[in-house]
Amino acid sequence: MPRYYFRLHVNGQQQTKDSQGHQFANGKEACSHAVKRMPAALRKYARLTGNTHLAIEISNGKHTLNVIRGKVIIESQ
């Protein structure tokens, strides 16, 4: 099975670099995994920084295959 790597970027700054990766049958499964991780990551970083722009970059170790993006904007009344 191919190995996929996930890098987390918060507000344009790389936060984590996945050096071990995870094995998935294909890129579609790797992308699905990143989408499932997004809500928890948004909750975590929005608590720490307020407005948050988050990106999970999926690569095969050589090339970026997909980027999953999400954001939280906190508006006060």
Protein backbone atom coordinates (compact mmCIF):
# COMPACT_ATOMS: atom_id res chain seq x y z
CA MET A 1 0.00 0.00 0.00
CA PRO A 2 1.25 3.52 -0.76
CA ARG A 3 2.33 5.81 2.07
CA TYR A 4 0.90 9.33 2.40
CA TYR A 5 2.23 12.24 4.47
CA PHE A 6 0.19 14.99 6.13
CA ARG A 7 1.52 18.46 6.94
CA LEU A 8 -0.56 20.87 9.00
CA HIS A 9 -0.39 24.61 8.31
CA VAL A 10 -2.09 27.09 10.65
CA ASN A 11 -2.50 30.71 9.55
CA GLY A 12 0.13 30.18 6.85
CA GLN A 13 2.74 28.67 9.17
CA GLN A 14 3.70 25.00 9.10
CA GLN A 15 2.87 23.45 12.49
CA THR A 16 3.60 19.78 11.96
CA LYS A 17 5.64 17.72 9.55
CA ASP A 18 4.64 14.08 9.20
CA SER A 19 7.87 12.09 8.88
CA GLN A 20 6.29 8.64 9.27
CA GLY A 21 3.19 8.93 7.09
CA HIS A 22 0.24 6.56 6.94
CA GLN A 23 -0.59 3.81 4.51
CA PHE A 24 -3.81 3.95 2.52
CA ALA A 25 -5.03 1.96 -0.47
CA ASN A 26 -5.15 5.11 -2.60
CA GLY A 27 -5.13 8.91 -2.59
CA LYS A 28 -8.90 9.09 -2.21
CA GLU A 29 -8.69 7.30 1.16
CA ALA A 30 -5.84 9.56 2.27
CA CYS A 31 -7.90 12.62 1.33
CA SER A 32 -10.92 11.25 3.23
CA HIS A 33 -8.71 10.76 6.30
CA ALA A 34 -7.60 14.42 6.16
CA VAL A 35 -11.20 15.63 5.80
CA LYS A 36 -12.19 13.62 8.89
CA ARG A 37 -9.29 15.16 10.88
CA MET A 38 -10.19 18.74 9.92
CA PRO A 39 -12.97 19.47 12.50
CA ALA A 40 -10.83 18.41 15.47
CA ALA A 41 -7.85 20.42 14.22
CA LEU A 42 -10.03 23.50 13.67
CA ARG A 43 -11.43 23.21 17.22
CA LYS A 44 -7.96 22.89 18.70
CA TYR A 45 -6.34 25.82 16.90
CA ALA A 46 -9.37 28.15 17.01
CA ARG A 47 -9.31 27.90 20.81
CA LEU A 48 -5.64 28.92 20.81
CA THR A 49 -5.58 31.63 18.16
CA GLY A 50 -9.15 32.85 17.56
CA ASN A 51 -9.62 33.33 13.81
CA THR A 52 -7.96 30.35 12.19
CA HIS A 53 -7.09 29.34 8.64
CA LEU A 54 -6.03 25.71 8.49
CA ALA A 55 -4.62 23.59 5.67
CA ILE A 56 -3.73 19.91 5.65
CA GLU A 57 -1.31 19.15 2.83
CA ILE A 58 -1.27 15.55 1.59
CA SER A 59 1.81 14.30 -0.25
CA ASN A 60 3.33 11.09 -1.47
CA GLY A 61 6.68 12.14 -0.02
CA LYS A 62 7.77 13.87 -3.22
CA HIS A 63 4.80 15.87 -4.48
CA THR A 64 1.75 17.56 -2.96
CA LEU A 65 -1.34 15.64 -4.05
CA ASN A 66 -4.14 17.51 -2.26
CA VAL A 67 -4.69 20.38 0.14
CA ILE A 68 -7.72 20.37 2.45
CA ARG A 69 -8.57 23.85 3.75
CA GLY A 70 -10.85 25.08 6.52
CA LYS A 71 -11.30 28.22 8.56
CA VAL A 72 -12.98 29.51 11.67
CA ILE A 73 -13.91 33.18 11.93
CA ILE A 74 -15.07 34.40 15.31
CA GLU A 75 -17.30 37.47 15.17
CA SER A 76 -18.20 39.38 18.32
CA GLN A 77 -21.44 41.37 18.54
